[in-house]
Amino acid sequence: MKTIKLAEALLRRKELQEKVDRLRKIDMKDAFETRTGRGPVSDGFNEMIAEVSKISFQQFTACFDWHAKQLREVDAVIQQANWTTELEVNDDVMGDFVDPYVK
């Protein structure tokens, strides 16, 4: 376990949310690249086109799942702080607006 300031947790949450959002937007076609090559005509083809994986689906899923889990965990810690932390404020902060021009 590590102790961090609430401000650090909020920054980490933002960072993780951005990463999860980027990963969520990845189209599977972006995970492949097209490569071309020439082979001898005697082999029955003149040109070959192949789609080659840049990253395995398992790697992508593991990366997404890890970041999503860290995001959920930091969210839970922040929520607990929201419900258990008390702040001292001026009385007016939680009051309703009173129009000084209405008598």
N, C-alpha and C. Protein backbone atom coordinates (compact mmCIF):
# COMPACT_ATOMS: atom_id res chain seq x y z
N MET A 1 0.83 -1.18 0.00
CA MET A 1 0.00 0.00 0.00
C MET A 1 0.87 1.24 0.00
N LYS A 2 0.39 2.27 -0.66
CA LYS A 2 1.10 3.54 -0.74
C LYS A 2 0.14 4.65 -0.34
N THR A 3 0.63 5.62 0.40
CA THR A 3 -0.19 6.76 0.79
C THR A 3 0.12 7.92 -0.15
N ILE A 4 -0.94 8.51 -0.71
CA ILE A 4 -0.78 9.65 -1.60
C ILE A 4 -1.77 10.75 -1.20
N LYS A 5 -1.52 11.94 -1.66
CA LYS A 5 -2.43 13.06 -1.43
C LYS A 5 -3.63 12.93 -2.36
N LEU A 6 -4.76 13.50 -1.95
CA LEU A 6 -5.96 13.48 -2.77
C LEU A 6 -5.69 14.12 -4.14
N ALA A 7 -4.92 15.19 -4.16
CA ALA A 7 -4.59 15.86 -5.43
C ALA A 7 -3.88 14.91 -6.38
N GLU A 8 -2.98 14.08 -5.85
CA GLU A 8 -2.28 13.10 -6.69
C GLU A 8 -3.26 12.06 -7.23
N ALA A 9 -4.19 11.63 -6.39
CA ALA A 9 -5.19 10.65 -6.82
C ALA A 9 -6.06 11.22 -7.94
N LEU A 10 -6.43 12.49 -7.80
CA LEU A 10 -7.25 13.13 -8.84
C LEU A 10 -6.48 13.25 -10.16
N LEU A 11 -5.21 13.57 -10.08
CA LEU A 11 -4.39 13.65 -11.30
C LEU A 11 -4.23 12.27 -11.93
N ARG A 12 -3.98 11.26 -11.10
CA ARG A 12 -3.84 9.89 -11.62
C ARG A 12 -5.14 9.42 -12.26
N ARG A 13 -6.28 9.78 -11.64
CA ARG A 13 -7.57 9.41 -12.20
C ARG A 13 -7.74 10.01 -13.59
N LYS A 14 -7.37 11.27 -13.74
CA LYS A 14 -7.48 11.94 -15.04
C LYS A 14 -6.59 11.25 -16.07
N GLU A 15 -5.39 10.94 -15.67
CA GLU A 15 -4.44 10.26 -16.56
C GLU A 15 -4.97 8.89 -17.00
N LEU A 16 -5.47 8.11 -16.05
CA LEU A 16 -6.01 6.79 -16.37
C LEU A 16 -7.25 6.89 -17.24
N GLN A 17 -8.12 7.86 -16.97
CA GLN A 17 -9.33 8.04 -17.77
C GLN A 17 -8.97 8.35 -19.22
N GLU A 18 -7.97 9.21 -19.41
CA GLU A 18 -7.53 9.54 -20.77
C GLU A 18 -6.99 8.32 -21.49
N LYS A 19 -6.23 7.49 -20.78
CA LYS A 19 -5.66 6.27 -21.38
C LYS A 19 -6.78 5.30 -21.75
N VAL A 20 -7.72 5.08 -20.85
CA VAL A 20 -8.84 4.18 -21.12
C VAL A 20 -9.67 4.69 -22.29
N ASP A 21 -9.90 6.00 -22.34
CA ASP A 21 -10.66 6.57 -23.46
C ASP A 21 -9.94 6.37 -24.79
N ARG A 22 -8.61 6.56 -24.79
CA ARG A 22 -7.84 6.34 -26.02
C ARG A 22 -7.89 4.88 -26.45
N LEU A 23 -7.72 3.98 -25.50
CA LEU A 23 -7.75 2.55 -25.82
C LEU A 23 -9.12 2.13 -26.33
N ARG A 24 -10.17 2.69 -25.75
CA ARG A 24 -11.54 2.34 -26.15
C ARG A 24 -11.80 2.75 -27.61
N LYS A 25 -11.15 3.82 -28.06
CA LYS A 25 -11.38 4.33 -29.41
C LYS A 25 -10.58 3.59 -30.49
N ILE A 26 -9.66 2.75 -30.08
CA ILE A 26 -8.82 2.07 -31.08
C ILE A 26 -9.67 1.13 -31.91
N ASP A 27 -9.58 1.31 -33.19
CA ASP A 27 -10.26 0.45 -34.14
C ASP A 27 -9.31 -0.72 -34.41
N MET A 28 -9.83 -1.92 -34.46
CA MET A 28 -8.97 -3.09 -34.66
C MET A 28 -8.16 -2.98 -35.95
N LYS A 29 -8.67 -2.23 -36.94
CA LYS A 29 -7.89 -2.08 -38.17
C LYS A 29 -6.60 -1.32 -37.91
N ASP A 30 -6.56 -0.53 -36.82
CA ASP A 30 -5.34 0.19 -36.46
C ASP A 30 -4.29 -0.74 -35.85
N ALA A 31 -4.70 -1.93 -35.47
CA ALA A 31 -3.78 -2.87 -34.85
C ALA A 31 -3.03 -3.69 -35.90
N PHE A 32 -3.32 -3.44 -37.16
CA PHE A 32 -2.66 -4.18 -38.24
C PHE A 32 -2.01 -3.21 -39.20
N GLU A 33 -0.97 -3.65 -39.85
CA GLU A 33 -0.35 -2.86 -40.90
C GLU A 33 -0.25 -3.72 -42.15
N THR A 34 -0.34 -3.07 -43.29
CA THR A 34 -0.23 -3.79 -44.55
C THR A 34 1.21 -3.77 -45.00
N ARG A 35 1.72 -4.93 -45.35
CA ARG A 35 3.07 -5.04 -45.88
C ARG A 35 2.99 -5.71 -47.25
N THR A 36 3.79 -5.22 -48.14
CA THR A 36 3.83 -5.82 -49.47
C THR A 36 5.23 -6.33 -49.75
N GLY A 37 5.30 -7.30 -50.61
CA GLY A 37 6.59 -7.85 -51.01
C GLY A 37 6.46 -8.50 -52.37
N ARG A 38 7.55 -8.66 -53.03
CA ARG A 38 7.54 -9.31 -54.34
C ARG A 38 8.21 -10.67 -54.22
N GLY A 39 7.60 -11.60 -54.90
CA GLY A 39 8.18 -12.93 -54.99
C GLY A 39 8.41 -13.27 -56.45
N PRO A 40 9.22 -14.26 -56.74
CA PRO A 40 9.46 -14.63 -58.14
C PRO A 40 8.17 -15.09 -58.82
N VAL A 41 8.00 -14.70 -60.06
CA VAL A 41 6.82 -15.11 -60.83
C VAL A 41 6.75 -16.62 -60.92
N SER A 42 7.87 -17.31 -60.88
CA SER A 42 7.89 -18.77 -60.97
C SER A 42 7.16 -19.43 -59.80
N ASP A 43 7.00 -18.70 -58.69
CA ASP A 43 6.28 -19.24 -57.52
C ASP A 43 4.77 -19.10 -57.68
N GLY A 44 4.32 -18.54 -58.79
CA GLY A 44 2.89 -18.45 -59.06
C GLY A 44 2.28 -17.13 -58.65
N PHE A 45 3.08 -16.20 -58.17
CA PHE A 45 2.54 -14.89 -57.85
C PHE A 45 3.63 -13.84 -58.07
N ASN A 46 3.17 -12.65 -58.37
CA ASN A 46 4.09 -11.57 -58.64
C ASN A 46 4.20 -10.62 -57.45
N GLU A 47 3.11 -10.48 -56.69
CA GLU A 47 3.12 -9.57 -55.54
C GLU A 47 2.31 -10.20 -54.42
N MET A 48 2.73 -9.96 -53.22
CA MET A 48 2.04 -10.52 -52.07
C MET A 48 1.70 -9.37 -51.13
N ILE A 49 0.47 -9.36 -50.62
CA ILE A 49 0.02 -8.36 -49.64
C ILE A 49 -0.42 -9.12 -48.40
N ALA A 50 0.04 -8.67 -47.25
CA ALA A 50 -0.32 -9.36 -46.01
C ALA A 50 -0.64 -8.33 -44.94
N GLU A 51 -1.57 -8.66 -44.06
CA GLU A 51 -1.88 -7.85 -42.88
C GLU A 51 -1.14 -8.48 -41.71
N VAL A 52 -0.29 -7.68 -41.09
CA VAL A 52 0.55 -8.18 -40.01
C VAL A 52 0.13 -7.49 -38.72
N SER A 53 -0.08 -8.26 -37.69
CA SER A 53 -0.50 -7.72 -36.40
C SER A 53 0.63 -6.93 -35.75
N LYS A 54 0.31 -5.73 -35.27
CA LYS A 54 1.28 -4.93 -34.52
C LYS A 54 1.28 -5.34 -33.05
N ILE A 55 0.16 -5.82 -32.59
CA ILE A 55 -0.01 -6.22 -31.20
C ILE A 55 -1.08 -7.31 -31.16
N SER A 56 -0.91 -8.27 -30.28
CA SER A 56 -1.91 -9.35 -30.22
C SER A 56 -3.16 -8.84 -29.51
N PHE A 57 -4.27 -9.48 -29.81
CA PHE A 57 -5.53 -9.11 -29.17
C PHE A 57 -5.41 -9.31 -27.66
N GLN A 58 -4.71 -10.35 -27.23
CA GLN A 58 -4.52 -10.61 -25.80
C GLN A 58 -3.72 -9.48 -25.15
N GLN A 59 -2.69 -8.97 -25.84
CA GLN A 59 -1.91 -7.86 -25.31
C GLN A 59 -2.77 -6.61 -25.16
N PHE A 60 -3.57 -6.34 -26.19
CA PHE A 60 -4.43 -5.17 -26.16
C PHE A 60 -5.44 -5.28 -25.01
N THR A 61 -6.07 -6.44 -24.89
CA THR A 61 -7.06 -6.66 -23.83
C THR A 61 -6.42 -6.52 -22.45
N ALA A 62 -5.24 -7.09 -22.27
CA ALA A 62 -4.55 -6.99 -20.97
C ALA A 62 -4.22 -5.54 -20.64
N CYS A 63 -3.78 -4.78 -21.62
CA CYS A 63 -3.45 -3.37 -21.41
C CYS A 63 -4.70 -2.58 -21.03
N PHE A 64 -5.79 -2.77 -21.78
CA PHE A 64 -7.04 -2.08 -21.50
C PHE A 64 -7.57 -2.45 -20.12
N ASP A 65 -7.60 -3.75 -19.82
CA ASP A 65 -8.12 -4.22 -18.53
C ASP A 65 -7.31 -3.68 -17.36
N TRP A 66 -5.98 -3.63 -17.50
CA TRP A 66 -5.13 -3.13 -16.41
C TRP A 66 -5.44 -1.67 -16.13
N HIS A 67 -5.50 -0.85 -17.18
CA HIS A 67 -5.78 0.58 -16.99
C HIS A 67 -7.19 0.81 -16.44
N ALA A 68 -8.16 0.05 -16.93
CA ALA A 68 -9.53 0.19 -16.45
C ALA A 68 -9.62 -0.19 -14.97
N LYS A 69 -8.90 -1.23 -14.56
CA LYS A 69 -8.92 -1.66 -13.16
C LYS A 69 -8.30 -0.58 -12.27
N GLN A 70 -7.17 -0.02 -12.69
CA GLN A 70 -6.53 1.04 -11.90
C GLN A 70 -7.45 2.25 -11.78
N LEU A 71 -8.17 2.56 -12.85
CA LEU A 71 -9.12 3.67 -12.83
C LEU A 71 -10.24 3.40 -11.82
N ARG A 72 -10.78 2.20 -11.83
CA ARG A 72 -11.84 1.86 -10.86
C ARG A 72 -11.34 1.95 -9.43
N GLU A 73 -10.11 1.50 -9.20
CA GLU A 73 -9.56 1.52 -7.84
C GLU A 73 -9.32 2.95 -7.35
N VAL A 74 -8.77 3.81 -8.21
CA VAL A 74 -8.54 5.19 -7.78
C VAL A 74 -9.87 5.91 -7.61
N ASP A 75 -10.86 5.59 -8.45
CA ASP A 75 -12.20 6.16 -8.28
C ASP A 75 -12.79 5.79 -6.92
N ALA A 76 -12.62 4.55 -6.52
CA ALA A 76 -13.16 4.09 -5.24
C ALA A 76 -12.52 4.84 -4.08
N VAL A 77 -11.22 5.06 -4.14
CA VAL A 77 -10.51 5.78 -3.08
C VAL A 77 -10.98 7.23 -3.02
N ILE A 78 -11.13 7.84 -4.20
CA ILE A 78 -11.59 9.24 -4.25
C ILE A 78 -13.02 9.34 -3.71
N GLN A 79 -13.89 8.41 -4.08
CA GLN A 79 -15.26 8.42 -3.57
C GLN A 79 -15.29 8.28 -2.05
N GLN A 80 -14.45 7.40 -1.51
CA GLN A 80 -14.41 7.25 -0.06
C GLN A 80 -13.99 8.56 0.59
N ALA A 81 -13.00 9.23 0.00
CA ALA A 81 -12.56 10.52 0.55
C ALA A 81 -13.69 11.54 0.47
N ASN A 82 -14.48 11.49 -0.62
CA ASN A 82 -15.61 12.41 -0.76
C ASN A 82 -16.62 12.25 0.37
N TRP A 83 -16.84 11.01 0.79
CA TRP A 83 -17.86 10.76 1.80
C TRP A 83 -17.35 10.86 3.22
N THR A 84 -16.05 10.81 3.43
CA THR A 84 -15.53 10.80 4.81
C THR A 84 -14.79 12.07 5.19
N THR A 85 -14.42 12.89 4.23
CA THR A 85 -13.67 14.11 4.53
C THR A 85 -14.63 15.24 4.86
N GLU A 86 -14.33 15.94 5.94
CA GLU A 86 -15.14 17.09 6.33
C GLU A 86 -14.33 18.35 6.11
N LEU A 87 -14.99 19.39 5.64
CA LEU A 87 -14.35 20.66 5.35
C LEU A 87 -15.00 21.76 6.16
N GLU A 88 -14.22 22.73 6.57
CA GLU A 88 -14.75 23.86 7.32
C GLU A 88 -14.92 25.02 6.35
N VAL A 89 -16.15 25.52 6.24
CA VAL A 89 -16.46 26.61 5.31
C VAL A 89 -17.25 27.69 6.05
N ASN A 90 -17.30 28.89 5.47
CA ASN A 90 -18.14 29.96 6.02
C ASN A 90 -19.60 29.55 5.93
N ASP A 91 -20.42 30.04 6.84
CA ASP A 91 -21.85 29.70 6.88
C ASP A 91 -22.54 30.03 5.56
N ASP A 92 -22.16 31.14 4.94
CA ASP A 92 -22.81 31.57 3.70
C ASP A 92 -22.60 30.61 2.53
N VAL A 93 -21.53 29.85 2.56
CA VAL A 93 -21.20 28.96 1.44
C VAL A 93 -22.33 27.97 1.16
N MET A 94 -22.96 27.46 2.18
CA MET A 94 -24.01 26.46 2.01
C MET A 94 -25.42 27.06 2.06
N GLY A 95 -25.50 28.38 2.18
CA GLY A 95 -26.81 29.03 2.25
C GLY A 95 -27.33 29.42 0.88
N ASP A 96 -28.55 29.88 0.88
CA ASP A 96 -29.20 30.34 -0.37
C ASP A 96 -28.91 31.82 -0.56
N PHE A 97 -28.96 32.25 -1.80
CA PHE A 97 -28.76 33.64 -2.13
C PHE A 97 -29.92 34.48 -1.58
N VAL A 98 -29.57 35.58 -0.97
CA VAL A 98 -30.57 36.53 -0.47
C VAL A 98 -30.32 37.84 -1.21
N ASP A 99 -31.32 38.25 -1.99
CA ASP A 99 -31.20 39.47 -2.79
C ASP A 99 -31.19 40.68 -1.84
N PRO A 100 -30.12 41.45 -1.81
CA PRO A 100 -30.05 42.58 -0.88
C PRO A 100 -30.97 43.72 -1.29
N TYR A 101 -31.49 43.67 -2.51
CA TYR A 101 -32.34 44.78 -2.99
C TYR A 101 -33.82 44.50 -2.77
N VAL A 102 -34.15 43.30 -2.32
CA VAL A 102 -35.55 42.96 -2.03
C VAL A 102 -35.75 43.09 -0.54
N LYS A 103 -36.81 43.89 -0.20
CA LYS A 103 -37.07 44.08 1.23
C LYS A 103 -38.24 43.29 1.69
